[in-house]
Amino acid sequence: MAKIVVLGAGFGGLAVAYRLRKLDRNSVDITVVSDSDKYFYRPSLPYVALGNKSLNLLDYFLKIIIV
């Protein structure tokens, strides 16, 4: 079984993890390493500044996103 480690869970790391998820799970073991257990979606910060979104809506737990 091949083991793949994705370093970082930003835009690039999550994109790679999503693409690798489509591989056969019996032949590949994928691990995502991040210094935080949350993903912060920065492109929505202008909506927070305008009062259209709350800041706590921009944090997502990685465990929920990746699984």
Protein backbone atom coordinates (compact mmCIF):
# COMPACT_ATOMS: atom_id res chain seq x y z
CA MET A 1 0.00 0.00 0.00
CA ALA A 2 1.32 3.43 -0.98
CA LYS A 3 1.43 6.12 1.71
CA ILE A 4 0.95 9.77 0.72
CA VAL A 5 1.50 12.67 3.11
CA VAL A 6 0.02 16.09 2.27
CA LEU A 7 1.80 18.87 4.16
CA GLY A 8 -0.53 21.74 4.95
CA ALA A 9 -4.28 22.10 4.77
CA GLY A 10 -4.61 25.40 2.94
CA PHE A 11 -6.07 25.84 -0.53
CA GLY A 12 -3.42 23.66 -2.16
CA GLY A 13 -3.34 20.95 0.49
CA LEU A 14 -7.11 20.54 0.54
CA ALA A 15 -7.29 20.50 -3.27
CA VAL A 16 -4.68 17.74 -3.41
CA ALA A 17 -6.41 15.76 -0.65
CA TYR A 18 -9.72 15.97 -2.51
CA ARG A 19 -8.14 14.73 -5.74
CA LEU A 20 -6.33 11.90 -3.98
CA ARG A 21 -9.58 10.81 -2.32
CA LYS A 22 -10.75 9.56 -5.71
CA LEU A 23 -7.96 6.96 -5.76
CA ASP A 24 -8.62 3.41 -4.64
CA ARG A 25 -8.70 3.53 -0.83
CA ASN A 26 -7.39 -0.03 -0.59
CA SER A 27 -4.16 0.83 -2.37
CA VAL A 28 -3.42 4.32 -0.98
CA ASP A 29 -3.16 5.68 2.58
CA ILE A 30 -3.51 9.49 2.62
CA THR A 31 -2.48 11.62 5.61
CA VAL A 32 -2.97 15.39 5.82
CA VAL A 33 -0.62 17.18 8.24
CA SER A 34 -1.56 20.63 9.50
CA ASP A 35 -0.60 22.79 12.46
CA SER A 36 -4.28 23.46 13.16
CA ASP A 37 -7.44 21.38 13.32
CA LYS A 38 -9.41 24.12 11.53
CA TYR A 39 -9.44 25.66 8.07
CA PHE A 40 -10.05 29.42 7.88
CA TYR A 41 -11.66 30.57 4.61
CA ARG A 42 -9.94 33.93 4.06
CA PRO A 43 -11.64 34.98 0.81
CA SER A 44 -14.84 35.69 2.77
CA LEU A 45 -13.20 38.27 5.05
CA PRO A 46 -14.58 41.21 3.01
CA TYR A 47 -18.11 39.93 3.76
CA VAL A 48 -17.27 40.00 7.46
CA ALA A 49 -16.00 43.57 7.14
CA LEU A 50 -19.26 44.60 5.45
CA GLY A 51 -21.33 42.84 8.11
CA ASN A 52 -22.79 40.26 5.71
CA LYS A 53 -21.19 37.26 7.47
CA SER A 54 -20.09 36.38 10.95
CA LEU A 55 -16.42 35.62 11.57
CA ASN A 56 -17.22 32.27 13.21
CA LEU A 57 -18.78 31.07 9.92
CA LEU A 58 -15.35 31.10 8.26
CA ASP A 59 -13.81 28.38 10.46
CA TYR A 60 -14.28 24.78 9.36
CA PHE A 61 -13.00 21.70 11.15
CA LEU A 62 -10.63 19.78 8.88
CA LYS A 63 -11.97 16.45 10.11
CA ILE A 64 -15.39 17.31 8.67
CA ILE A 65 -14.05 18.72 5.40
CA ILE A 66 -11.65 15.91 4.49
CA VAL A 67 -13.58 12.81 5.55
